Amino acid sequence: MPFPAACQGTGIALALAIVPLVVSCMYAKTLRLVSILGARRPAPVLPARLDQLFHRLGSPGCDPEPIEEQIWQAWMHHPHRRAAQAIERTAADIAAQLYDIAETRLLHLVRACPDFAEAWNKRATLYYILERDEECVRDIHRTLELEPRHFGALCGLAEILRGAGDCESAVFVFQTALRINPHLSAVRTAVEELRGGSHQQLQ
């Protein structure tokens, strides 16, 4: 079965080659986006210091933990104070399992600040917790459009693909995350496990 016309395009052979035929159009569109993340620029609203932080994160001898923490802090930042406060409250709502409140708050936030990448990522996280995978992938897609270096969103997408049994696509997305942040040891382990499982299935 061919992919829907809206999911077809050029320069994405790798991404589309590993998408199962049963996958939804949104999954295919998001994998296509993952395949071209290197050509995208982050949204202008993102703090400029992220460029330096990601440069440092790519250094082999760096201490990744404090750099990752600074990156997450920068992602949570927004030039409008009310938006920054809302995302912090949402994170607290999710931690307290106040999911209805968090979803309502995030709905208002993404409408008011559609260029706020972390708002979309937080809602994707919420949908992941609630096992609403289609909505999660949709918000991951928007997150990556705004912040193509978001290794957290990439890992979330890979976990959804892994849970769906699409090991090849999961490996592809995990490896993309590792190119951005090579210090994700759990992701590296996941890739090794998925590759091992794929080899066993072929035997």
N, C-alpha and C. Protein backbone atom coordinates (compact mmCIF):
# COMPACT_ATOMS: atom_id res chain seq x y z
N MET A 1 0.85 -1.20 0.00
CA MET A 1 0.00 0.00 0.00
C MET A 1 0.88 1.24 0.00
N PRO A 2 0.69 2.18 -0.94
CA PRO A 2 1.51 3.39 -0.94
C PRO A 2 1.12 4.31 0.20
N PHE A 3 2.06 5.19 0.58
CA PHE A 3 1.74 6.19 1.59
C PHE A 3 0.75 7.18 1.02
N PRO A 4 -0.09 7.79 1.89
CA PRO A 4 -1.00 8.83 1.41
C PRO A 4 -0.22 9.94 0.74
N ALA A 5 -0.85 10.59 -0.24
CA ALA A 5 -0.15 11.63 -1.00
C ALA A 5 0.44 12.69 -0.10
N ALA A 6 -0.26 13.05 0.98
CA ALA A 6 0.23 14.10 1.87
C ALA A 6 1.49 13.69 2.60
N CYS A 7 1.80 12.38 2.62
CA CYS A 7 2.98 11.90 3.33
C CYS A 7 4.15 11.67 2.41
N GLN A 8 3.97 11.88 1.13
CA GLN A 8 5.04 11.63 0.18
C GLN A 8 5.86 12.89 -0.04
N GLY A 9 7.09 12.69 -0.48
CA GLY A 9 7.96 13.83 -0.72
C GLY A 9 9.31 13.35 -1.18
N THR A 10 10.21 14.28 -1.45
CA THR A 10 11.54 13.94 -1.91
C THR A 10 12.53 14.15 -0.79
N GLY A 11 13.69 13.47 -0.89
CA GLY A 11 14.74 13.64 0.08
C GLY A 11 14.47 13.00 1.42
N ILE A 12 13.53 12.07 1.50
CA ILE A 12 13.18 11.45 2.78
C ILE A 12 13.14 9.94 2.64
N ALA A 13 13.94 9.40 1.74
CA ALA A 13 13.86 7.97 1.46
C ALA A 13 14.13 7.14 2.71
N LEU A 14 15.11 7.57 3.52
CA LEU A 14 15.45 6.79 4.70
C LEU A 14 14.29 6.72 5.66
N ALA A 15 13.69 7.87 5.95
CA ALA A 15 12.59 7.90 6.91
C ALA A 15 11.42 7.08 6.42
N LEU A 16 11.02 7.26 5.17
CA LEU A 16 9.85 6.56 4.66
C LEU A 16 10.11 5.08 4.46
N ALA A 17 11.36 4.73 4.18
CA ALA A 17 11.68 3.32 3.96
C ALA A 17 11.47 2.50 5.22
N ILE A 18 11.56 3.13 6.39
CA ILE A 18 11.46 2.36 7.62
C ILE A 18 10.11 2.54 8.30
N VAL A 19 9.18 3.23 7.66
CA VAL A 19 7.85 3.40 8.25
C VAL A 19 6.98 2.21 7.90
N PRO A 20 6.39 1.55 8.87
CA PRO A 20 5.50 0.42 8.56
C PRO A 20 4.31 0.89 7.73
N LEU A 21 3.80 0.00 6.93
CA LEU A 21 2.69 0.36 6.05
C LEU A 21 1.44 0.74 6.82
N VAL A 22 1.33 0.27 8.06
CA VAL A 22 0.12 0.54 8.84
C VAL A 22 0.20 1.85 9.60
N VAL A 23 1.34 2.54 9.53
CA VAL A 23 1.51 3.74 10.35
C VAL A 23 0.63 4.87 9.84
N SER A 24 0.22 5.75 10.71
CA SER A 24 -0.63 6.86 10.32
C SER A 24 0.16 7.91 9.57
N CYS A 25 -0.55 8.78 8.89
CA CYS A 25 0.09 9.84 8.14
C CYS A 25 0.91 10.75 9.05
N MET A 26 0.41 11.03 10.26
CA MET A 26 1.14 11.90 11.17
C MET A 26 2.47 11.29 11.58
N TYR A 27 2.50 9.98 11.81
CA TYR A 27 3.75 9.33 12.14
C TYR A 27 4.73 9.48 10.97
N ALA A 28 4.26 9.25 9.75
CA ALA A 28 5.13 9.36 8.58
C ALA A 28 5.63 10.78 8.40
N LYS A 29 4.75 11.76 8.59
CA LYS A 29 5.15 13.16 8.46
C LYS A 29 6.19 13.53 9.52
N THR A 30 6.05 12.99 10.71
CA THR A 30 6.99 13.30 11.78
C THR A 30 8.33 12.64 11.53
N LEU A 31 8.33 11.42 11.02
CA LEU A 31 9.59 10.77 10.67
C LEU A 31 10.28 11.51 9.53
N ARG A 32 9.50 12.01 8.61
CA ARG A 32 10.07 12.83 7.54
C ARG A 32 10.75 14.07 8.14
N LEU A 33 10.08 14.71 9.07
CA LEU A 33 10.66 15.88 9.72
C LEU A 33 11.95 15.53 10.44
N VAL A 34 11.96 14.40 11.14
CA VAL A 34 13.17 13.97 11.84
C VAL A 34 14.34 13.82 10.87
N SER A 35 14.06 13.33 9.66
CA SER A 35 15.12 13.10 8.68
C SER A 35 15.76 14.38 8.16
N ILE A 36 15.11 15.53 8.36
CA ILE A 36 15.65 16.80 7.84
C ILE A 36 15.88 17.81 8.96
N LEU A 37 15.94 17.35 10.21
CA LEU A 37 16.10 18.29 11.32
C LEU A 37 17.38 19.12 11.21
N GLY A 38 18.43 18.52 10.67
CA GLY A 38 19.70 19.23 10.56
C GLY A 38 19.64 20.46 9.67
N ALA A 39 18.64 20.52 8.81
CA ALA A 39 18.50 21.66 7.91
C ALA A 39 17.59 22.75 8.47
N ARG A 40 17.01 22.51 9.63
CA ARG A 40 16.07 23.47 10.20
C ARG A 40 16.76 24.37 11.22
N ARG A 41 16.24 25.57 11.37
CA ARG A 41 16.73 26.51 12.37
C ARG A 41 15.73 26.60 13.52
N PRO A 42 16.24 26.74 14.75
CA PRO A 42 15.32 26.89 15.89
C PRO A 42 14.50 28.16 15.78
N ALA A 43 13.34 28.16 16.43
CA ALA A 43 12.47 29.33 16.44
C ALA A 43 13.20 30.52 17.07
N PRO A 44 13.01 31.72 16.53
CA PRO A 44 13.71 32.90 17.05
C PRO A 44 13.43 33.18 18.53
N VAL A 45 12.29 32.75 19.03
CA VAL A 45 11.95 33.03 20.43
C VAL A 45 12.82 32.26 21.41
N LEU A 46 13.50 31.21 20.95
CA LEU A 46 14.35 30.42 21.83
C LEU A 46 15.58 31.22 22.25
N PRO A 47 16.04 31.06 23.50
CA PRO A 47 17.20 31.81 23.97
C PRO A 47 18.44 31.54 23.11
N ALA A 48 19.17 32.60 22.79
CA ALA A 48 20.35 32.47 21.93
C ALA A 48 21.44 31.64 22.59
N ARG A 49 21.45 31.58 23.93
CA ARG A 49 22.51 30.84 24.62
C ARG A 49 22.44 29.35 24.36
N LEU A 50 21.31 28.87 23.83
CA LEU A 50 21.21 27.44 23.52
C LEU A 50 22.24 27.00 22.49
N ASP A 51 22.59 27.88 21.56
CA ASP A 51 23.59 27.51 20.55
C ASP A 51 24.91 27.13 21.21
N GLN A 52 25.35 27.93 22.16
CA GLN A 52 26.60 27.66 22.86
C GLN A 52 26.48 26.40 23.72
N LEU A 53 25.34 26.23 24.37
CA LEU A 53 25.15 25.06 25.22
C LEU A 53 25.21 23.77 24.41
N PHE A 54 24.58 23.76 23.24
CA PHE A 54 24.62 22.56 22.41
C PHE A 54 26.01 22.32 21.85
N HIS A 55 26.74 23.38 21.58
CA HIS A 55 28.13 23.23 21.13
C HIS A 55 28.96 22.56 22.22
N ARG A 56 28.77 23.01 23.45
CA ARG A 56 29.50 22.41 24.58
C ARG A 56 29.06 20.97 24.80
N LEU A 57 27.77 20.69 24.63
CA LEU A 57 27.25 19.35 24.85
C LEU A 57 27.86 18.35 23.88
N GLY A 58 28.21 18.82 22.68
CA GLY A 58 28.80 17.94 21.69
C GLY A 58 30.27 17.64 21.90
N SER A 59 30.90 18.30 22.89
CA SER A 59 32.32 18.07 23.17
C SER A 59 32.50 16.76 23.91
N PRO A 60 33.40 15.89 23.44
CA PRO A 60 33.56 14.56 24.06
C PRO A 60 33.91 14.61 25.55
N GLY A 61 34.71 15.59 25.96
CA GLY A 61 35.18 15.60 27.35
C GLY A 61 34.34 16.42 28.30
N CYS A 62 33.16 16.84 27.89
CA CYS A 62 32.35 17.72 28.73
C CYS A 62 31.67 16.94 29.85
N ASP A 63 31.23 17.67 30.86
CA ASP A 63 30.38 17.11 31.91
C ASP A 63 28.94 17.37 31.47
N PRO A 64 28.24 16.38 30.96
CA PRO A 64 26.95 16.65 30.30
C PRO A 64 25.82 17.05 31.25
N GLU A 65 25.84 16.57 32.47
CA GLU A 65 24.69 16.78 33.36
C GLU A 65 24.36 18.26 33.59
N PRO A 66 25.33 19.10 33.98
CA PRO A 66 24.98 20.51 34.18
C PRO A 66 24.59 21.22 32.88
N ILE A 67 25.17 20.79 31.76
CA ILE A 67 24.82 21.40 30.48
C ILE A 67 23.39 21.03 30.10
N GLU A 68 23.02 19.76 30.27
CA GLU A 68 21.65 19.34 29.99
C GLU A 68 20.66 20.10 30.86
N GLU A 69 21.00 20.30 32.13
CA GLU A 69 20.12 21.03 33.04
C GLU A 69 19.92 22.46 32.55
N GLN A 70 20.99 23.09 32.10
CA GLN A 70 20.89 24.46 31.58
C GLN A 70 20.05 24.50 30.30
N ILE A 71 20.16 23.47 29.48
CA ILE A 71 19.35 23.41 28.25
C ILE A 71 17.87 23.32 28.61
N TRP A 72 17.54 22.45 29.56
CA TRP A 72 16.13 22.33 29.96
C TRP A 72 15.62 23.64 30.56
N GLN A 73 16.45 24.30 31.33
CA GLN A 73 16.05 25.59 31.89
C GLN A 73 15.80 26.61 30.79
N ALA A 74 16.65 26.60 29.79
CA ALA A 74 16.47 27.53 28.67
C ALA A 74 15.21 27.21 27.89
N TRP A 75 14.91 25.93 27.71
CA TRP A 75 13.68 25.55 27.01
C TRP A 75 12.44 26.00 27.78
N MET A 76 12.53 25.99 29.10
CA MET A 76 11.40 26.42 29.92
C MET A 76 11.23 27.94 29.93
N HIS A 77 12.22 28.66 29.49
CA HIS A 77 12.17 30.12 29.50
C HIS A 77 11.28 30.64 28.37
N HIS A 78 10.59 31.73 28.65
CA HIS A 78 9.85 32.45 27.61
C HIS A 78 9.96 33.93 27.93
N PRO A 79 10.11 34.77 26.91
CA PRO A 79 10.27 36.21 27.18
C PRO A 79 9.07 36.84 27.88
N HIS A 80 7.90 36.24 27.75
CA HIS A 80 6.73 36.75 28.45
C HIS A 80 6.59 36.03 29.79
N ARG A 81 6.61 36.78 30.86
CA ARG A 81 6.63 36.21 32.20
C ARG A 81 5.45 35.28 32.47
N ARG A 82 4.26 35.66 32.00
CA ARG A 82 3.07 34.84 32.27
C ARG A 82 3.18 33.47 31.60
N ALA A 83 3.77 33.44 30.41
CA ALA A 83 3.95 32.16 29.72
C ALA A 83 4.95 31.29 30.48
N ALA A 84 6.04 31.90 30.96
CA ALA A 84 7.03 31.15 31.73
C ALA A 84 6.42 30.60 33.02
N GLN A 85 5.59 31.40 33.67
CA GLN A 85 4.93 30.94 34.89
C GLN A 85 3.96 29.80 34.59
N ALA A 86 3.26 29.91 33.48
CA ALA A 86 2.28 28.88 33.12
C ALA A 86 2.95 27.53 32.86
N ILE A 87 4.11 27.54 32.20
CA ILE A 87 4.78 26.28 31.91
C ILE A 87 5.31 25.66 33.20
N GLU A 88 5.76 26.47 34.13
CA GLU A 88 6.22 25.96 35.41
C GLU A 88 5.06 25.33 36.20
N ARG A 89 3.92 26.00 36.17
CA ARG A 89 2.74 25.46 36.87
C ARG A 89 2.27 24.17 36.22
N THR A 90 2.37 24.11 34.91
CA THR A 90 1.98 22.90 34.20
C THR A 90 2.86 21.73 34.59
N ALA A 91 4.16 21.97 34.68
CA ALA A 91 5.08 20.91 35.09
C ALA A 91 4.72 20.41 36.48
N ALA A 92 4.34 21.33 37.38
CA ALA A 92 3.92 20.94 38.73
C ALA A 92 2.61 20.17 38.69
N ASP A 93 1.69 20.58 37.82
CA ASP A 93 0.41 19.87 37.68
C ASP A 93 0.63 18.43 37.24
N ILE A 94 1.50 18.25 36.26
CA ILE A 94 1.77 16.90 35.76
C ILE A 94 2.41 16.05 36.84
N ALA A 95 3.37 16.63 37.56
CA ALA A 95 4.02 15.89 38.64
C ALA A 95 3.03 15.49 39.72
N ALA A 96 2.01 16.33 39.95
CA ALA A 96 0.98 16.04 40.95
C ALA A 96 -0.17 15.21 40.38
N GLN A 97 -0.04 14.79 39.11
CA GLN A 97 -1.07 13.99 38.42
C GLN A 97 -2.39 14.73 38.29
N LEU A 98 -2.31 16.05 38.21
CA LEU A 98 -3.50 16.87 37.96
C LEU A 98 -3.62 17.06 36.44
N TYR A 99 -3.92 15.98 35.77
CA TYR A 99 -3.81 15.95 34.32
C TYR A 99 -4.84 16.83 33.62
N ASP A 100 -6.06 16.87 34.13
CA ASP A 100 -7.09 17.71 33.51
C ASP A 100 -6.70 19.19 33.60
N ILE A 101 -6.20 19.58 34.76
CA ILE A 101 -5.77 20.97 34.93
C ILE A 101 -4.60 21.27 34.01
N ALA A 102 -3.65 20.35 33.94
CA ALA A 102 -2.48 20.56 33.08
C ALA A 102 -2.89 20.69 31.62
N GLU A 103 -3.82 19.84 31.17
CA GLU A 103 -4.24 19.89 29.77
C GLU A 103 -4.93 21.21 29.46
N THR A 104 -5.78 21.66 30.35
CA THR A 104 -6.47 22.94 30.14
C THR A 104 -5.47 24.09 30.10
N ARG A 105 -4.53 24.08 31.01
CA ARG A 105 -3.53 25.14 31.05
C ARG A 105 -2.69 25.14 29.76
N LEU A 106 -2.32 23.95 29.31
CA LEU A 106 -1.50 23.85 28.10
C LEU A 106 -2.28 24.24 26.85
N LEU A 107 -3.57 23.93 26.82
CA LEU A 107 -4.40 24.35 25.69
C LEU A 107 -4.37 25.87 25.54
N HIS A 108 -4.55 26.57 26.65
CA HIS A 108 -4.51 28.03 26.61
C HIS A 108 -3.11 28.54 26.24
N LEU A 109 -2.09 27.84 26.73
CA LEU A 109 -0.72 28.29 26.51
C LEU A 109 -0.30 28.16 25.05
N VAL A 110 -0.61 27.02 24.42
CA VAL A 110 -0.19 26.86 23.03
C VAL A 110 -0.99 27.77 22.10
N ARG A 111 -2.22 28.11 22.52
CA ARG A 111 -2.99 29.07 21.72
C ARG A 111 -2.42 30.48 21.85
N ALA A 112 -2.03 30.84 23.07
CA ALA A 112 -1.50 32.19 23.30
C ALA A 112 -0.08 32.34 22.79
N CYS A 113 0.71 31.26 22.85
CA CYS A 113 2.13 31.31 22.46
C CYS A 113 2.44 30.12 21.56
N PRO A 114 1.97 30.13 20.33
CA PRO A 114 2.14 28.97 19.45
C PRO A 114 3.59 28.70 19.06
N ASP A 115 4.49 29.64 19.35
CA ASP A 115 5.90 29.44 19.04
C ASP A 115 6.70 28.97 20.25
N PHE A 116 6.04 28.60 21.33
CA PHE A 116 6.70 28.17 22.56
C PHE A 116 6.90 26.66 22.49
N ALA A 117 8.09 26.24 22.09
CA ALA A 117 8.34 24.81 21.84
C ALA A 117 8.10 23.96 23.07
N GLU A 118 8.51 24.44 24.24
CA GLU A 118 8.38 23.61 25.43
C GLU A 118 6.94 23.43 25.87
N ALA A 119 6.06 24.36 25.51
CA ALA A 119 4.64 24.17 25.79
C ALA A 119 4.11 22.97 25.01
N TRP A 120 4.49 22.88 23.75
CA TRP A 120 4.07 21.73 22.93
C TRP A 120 4.69 20.44 23.47
N ASN A 121 5.96 20.52 23.90
CA ASN A 121 6.60 19.32 24.42
C ASN A 121 5.97 18.86 25.72
N LYS A 122 5.59 19.82 26.58
CA LYS A 122 4.95 19.44 27.83
C LYS A 122 3.60 18.77 27.56
N ARG A 123 2.87 19.27 26.57
CA ARG A 123 1.59 18.63 26.26
C ARG A 123 1.82 17.25 25.65
N ALA A 124 2.88 17.11 24.85
CA ALA A 124 3.22 15.78 24.33
C ALA A 124 3.54 14.83 25.48
N THR A 125 4.26 15.32 26.47
CA THR A 125 4.57 14.50 27.64
C THR A 125 3.30 14.07 28.36
N LEU A 126 2.37 15.00 28.51
CA LEU A 126 1.09 14.68 29.15
C LEU A 126 0.35 13.60 28.37
N TYR A 127 0.28 13.77 27.05
CA TYR A 127 -0.42 12.78 26.22
C TYR A 127 0.28 11.43 26.25
N TYR A 128 1.61 11.44 26.37
CA TYR A 128 2.36 10.18 26.48
C TYR A 128 1.96 9.46 27.77
N ILE A 129 1.89 10.20 28.87
CA ILE A 129 1.49 9.61 30.15
C ILE A 129 0.08 9.02 30.05
N LEU A 130 -0.80 9.74 29.35
CA LEU A 130 -2.19 9.31 29.22
C LEU A 130 -2.39 8.28 28.11
N GLU A 131 -1.29 7.88 27.45
CA GLU A 131 -1.32 6.89 26.37
C GLU A 131 -2.18 7.35 25.20
N ARG A 132 -2.18 8.64 24.94
CA ARG A 132 -2.88 9.21 23.78
C ARG A 132 -1.82 9.48 22.70
N ASP A 133 -1.37 8.38 22.08
CA ASP A 133 -0.17 8.43 21.26
C ASP A 133 -0.31 9.32 20.02
N GLU A 134 -1.45 9.26 19.36
CA GLU A 134 -1.61 10.08 18.15
C GLU A 134 -1.47 11.57 18.48
N GLU A 135 -2.10 12.00 19.58
CA GLU A 135 -2.00 13.40 19.98
C GLU A 135 -0.59 13.73 20.44
N CYS A 136 0.05 12.77 21.08
CA CYS A 136 1.43 12.96 21.51
C CYS A 136 2.35 13.20 20.32
N VAL A 137 2.23 12.36 19.30
CA VAL A 137 3.09 12.50 18.12
C VAL A 137 2.82 13.83 17.41
N ARG A 138 1.58 14.24 17.37
CA ARG A 138 1.25 15.53 16.76
C ARG A 138 1.98 16.67 17.46
N ASP A 139 2.00 16.63 18.79
CA ASP A 139 2.66 17.71 19.53
C ASP A 139 4.18 17.58 19.49
N ILE A 140 4.69 16.37 19.40
CA ILE A 140 6.13 16.19 19.19
C ILE A 140 6.53 16.80 17.85
N HIS A 141 5.70 16.58 16.85
CA HIS A 141 5.97 17.16 15.53
C HIS A 141 6.11 18.68 15.62
N ARG A 142 5.18 19.31 16.31
CA ARG A 142 5.23 20.76 16.44
C ARG A 142 6.44 21.20 17.27
N THR A 143 6.76 20.45 18.31
CA THR A 143 7.95 20.75 19.12
C THR A 143 9.20 20.77 18.24
N LEU A 144 9.35 19.75 17.41
CA LEU A 144 10.55 19.63 16.58
C LEU A 144 10.58 20.66 15.46
N GLU A 145 9.42 21.09 15.00
CA GLU A 145 9.40 22.19 14.03
C GLU A 145 10.00 23.45 14.64
N LEU A 146 9.72 23.68 15.92
CA LEU A 146 10.18 24.89 16.59
C LEU A 146 11.59 24.74 17.17
N GLU A 147 11.91 23.55 17.67
CA GLU A 147 13.22 23.29 18.28
C GLU A 147 13.74 21.95 17.78
N PRO A 148 14.45 21.98 16.63
CA PRO A 148 14.90 20.72 16.01
C PRO A 148 15.97 19.99 16.82
N ARG A 149 16.48 20.61 17.88
CA ARG A 149 17.50 19.97 18.72
C ARG A 149 16.89 19.32 19.96
N HIS A 150 15.57 19.23 20.02
CA HIS A 150 14.92 18.77 21.25
C HIS A 150 15.06 17.25 21.38
N PHE A 151 16.15 16.85 22.03
CA PHE A 151 16.42 15.42 22.19
C PHE A 151 15.37 14.75 23.09
N GLY A 152 14.75 15.51 23.98
CA GLY A 152 13.69 14.93 24.81
C GLY A 152 12.48 14.53 23.99
N ALA A 153 12.07 15.40 23.07
CA ALA A 153 10.94 15.08 22.20
C ALA A 153 11.27 13.90 21.30
N LEU A 154 12.49 13.86 20.80
CA LEU A 154 12.90 12.74 19.95
C LEU A 154 12.85 11.42 20.71
N CYS A 155 13.30 11.43 21.95
CA CYS A 155 13.26 10.20 22.74
C CYS A 155 11.82 9.77 23.00
N GLY A 156 10.94 10.73 23.22
CA GLY A 156 9.53 10.39 23.40
C GLY A 156 8.94 9.73 22.16
N LEU A 157 9.27 10.28 21.00
CA LEU A 157 8.80 9.70 19.74
C LEU A 157 9.34 8.29 19.56
N ALA A 158 10.62 8.11 19.85
CA ALA A 158 11.22 6.79 19.70
C ALA A 158 10.57 5.78 20.63
N GLU A 159 10.23 6.19 21.84
CA GLU A 159 9.58 5.27 22.78
C GLU A 159 8.21 4.85 22.28
N ILE A 160 7.48 5.79 21.68
CA ILE A 160 6.17 5.44 21.12
C ILE A 160 6.33 4.42 19.99
N LEU A 161 7.29 4.65 19.12
CA LEU A 161 7.55 3.73 18.02
C LEU A 161 7.99 2.36 18.55
N ARG A 162 8.81 2.40 19.57
CA ARG A 162 9.26 1.15 20.20
C ARG A 162 8.08 0.39 20.78
N GLY A 163 7.19 1.09 21.46
CA GLY A 163 6.03 0.45 22.04
C GLY A 163 5.09 -0.13 21.00
N ALA A 164 5.08 0.49 19.81
CA ALA A 164 4.24 0.00 18.72
C ALA A 164 4.88 -1.16 17.97
N GLY A 165 6.11 -1.52 18.35
CA GLY A 165 6.80 -2.62 17.69
C GLY A 165 7.56 -2.23 16.46
N ASP A 166 7.68 -0.94 16.20
CA ASP A 166 8.41 -0.45 15.02
C ASP A 166 9.86 -0.17 15.42
N CYS A 167 10.63 -1.25 15.55
CA CYS A 167 11.99 -1.14 16.09
C CYS A 167 12.91 -0.35 15.17
N GLU A 168 12.78 -0.52 13.87
CA GLU A 168 13.68 0.19 12.94
C GLU A 168 13.50 1.70 13.03
N SER A 169 12.26 2.14 13.06
CA SER A 169 11.99 3.57 13.17
C SER A 169 12.45 4.10 14.52
N ALA A 170 12.25 3.31 15.57
CA ALA A 170 12.70 3.72 16.91
C ALA A 170 14.20 3.92 16.94
N VAL A 171 14.94 2.99 16.34
CA VAL A 171 16.40 3.12 16.28
C VAL A 171 16.79 4.38 15.51
N PHE A 172 16.14 4.61 14.39
CA PHE A 172 16.41 5.79 13.57
C PHE A 172 16.24 7.08 14.39
N VAL A 173 15.17 7.16 15.16
CA VAL A 173 14.90 8.38 15.94
C VAL A 173 15.84 8.47 17.14
N PHE A 174 16.08 7.35 17.81
CA PHE A 174 17.04 7.36 18.92
C PHE A 174 18.42 7.82 18.44
N GLN A 175 18.85 7.34 17.29
CA GLN A 175 20.16 7.74 16.77
C GLN A 175 20.20 9.23 16.43
N THR A 176 19.09 9.76 15.98
CA THR A 176 19.02 11.21 15.73
C THR A 176 19.21 11.97 17.04
N ALA A 177 18.57 11.50 18.11
CA ALA A 177 18.75 12.12 19.43
C ALA A 177 20.20 12.04 19.88
N LEU A 178 20.86 10.93 19.62
CA LEU A 178 22.25 10.76 20.03
C LEU A 178 23.20 11.67 19.25
N ARG A 179 22.86 11.99 18.03
CA ARG A 179 23.69 12.93 17.27
C ARG A 179 23.62 14.33 17.87
N ILE A 180 22.49 14.64 18.50
CA ILE A 180 22.33 15.94 19.14
C ILE A 180 22.95 15.93 20.53
N ASN A 181 22.69 14.86 21.27
CA ASN A 181 23.23 14.71 22.62
C ASN A 181 23.84 13.32 22.73
N PRO A 182 25.15 13.21 22.51
CA PRO A 182 25.79 11.89 22.52
C PRO A 182 25.97 11.29 23.90
N HIS A 183 25.51 11.98 24.93
CA HIS A 183 25.73 11.52 26.31
C HIS A 183 24.51 10.80 26.90
N LEU A 184 23.53 10.47 26.08
CA LEU A 184 22.32 9.80 26.56
C LEU A 184 22.59 8.30 26.65
N SER A 185 23.13 7.87 27.77
CA SER A 185 23.55 6.48 27.90
C SER A 185 22.37 5.51 27.83
N ALA A 186 21.22 5.89 28.40
CA ALA A 186 20.05 5.01 28.35
C ALA A 186 19.56 4.84 26.92
N VAL A 187 19.68 5.90 26.13
CA VAL A 187 19.27 5.82 24.72
C VAL A 187 20.22 4.91 23.95
N ARG A 188 21.50 5.02 24.23
CA ARG A 188 22.47 4.16 23.56
C ARG A 188 22.20 2.69 23.90
N THR A 189 21.85 2.43 25.14
CA THR A 189 21.51 1.06 25.54
C THR A 189 20.26 0.58 24.82
N ALA A 190 19.27 1.47 24.71
CA ALA A 190 18.03 1.11 24.02
C ALA A 190 18.29 0.75 22.56
N VAL A 191 19.17 1.50 21.92
CA VAL A 191 19.52 1.21 20.52
C VAL A 191 20.15 -0.18 20.41
N GLU A 192 21.06 -0.48 21.32
CA GLU A 192 21.71 -1.80 21.29
C GLU A 192 20.68 -2.91 21.51
N GLU A 193 19.75 -2.69 22.44
CA GLU A 193 18.73 -3.71 22.70
C GLU A 193 17.81 -3.90 21.49
N LEU A 194 17.42 -2.79 20.88
CA LEU A 194 16.53 -2.87 19.72
C LEU A 194 17.23 -3.54 18.55
N ARG A 195 18.48 -3.24 18.34
CA ARG A 195 19.22 -3.89 17.25
C ARG A 195 19.36 -5.38 17.51
N GLY A 196 19.61 -5.73 18.77
CA GLY A 196 19.71 -7.15 19.11
C GLY A 196 18.41 -7.87 18.89
N GLY A 197 17.30 -7.22 19.27
CA GLY A 197 15.98 -7.82 19.06
C GLY A 197 15.66 -8.00 17.60
N SER A 198 16.06 -7.02 16.77
CA SER A 198 15.81 -7.11 15.34
C SER A 198 16.59 -8.27 14.73
N HIS A 199 17.85 -8.44 15.20
CA HIS A 199 18.67 -9.51 14.66
C HIS A 199 18.07 -10.87 15.02
N GLN A 200 17.57 -10.98 16.27
CA GLN A 200 16.97 -12.24 16.70
C GLN A 200 15.73 -12.58 15.88
N GLN A 201 14.94 -11.55 15.54
CA GLN A 201 13.73 -11.80 14.76
C GLN A 201 14.07 -12.28 13.37
N LEU A 202 15.22 -11.84 12.84
CA LEU A 202 15.60 -12.24 11.49
C LEU A 202 16.17 -13.64 11.42
N GLN A 203 16.65 -14.16 12.56
CA GLN A 203 17.26 -15.47 12.56
C GLN A 203 16.23 -16.58 12.51
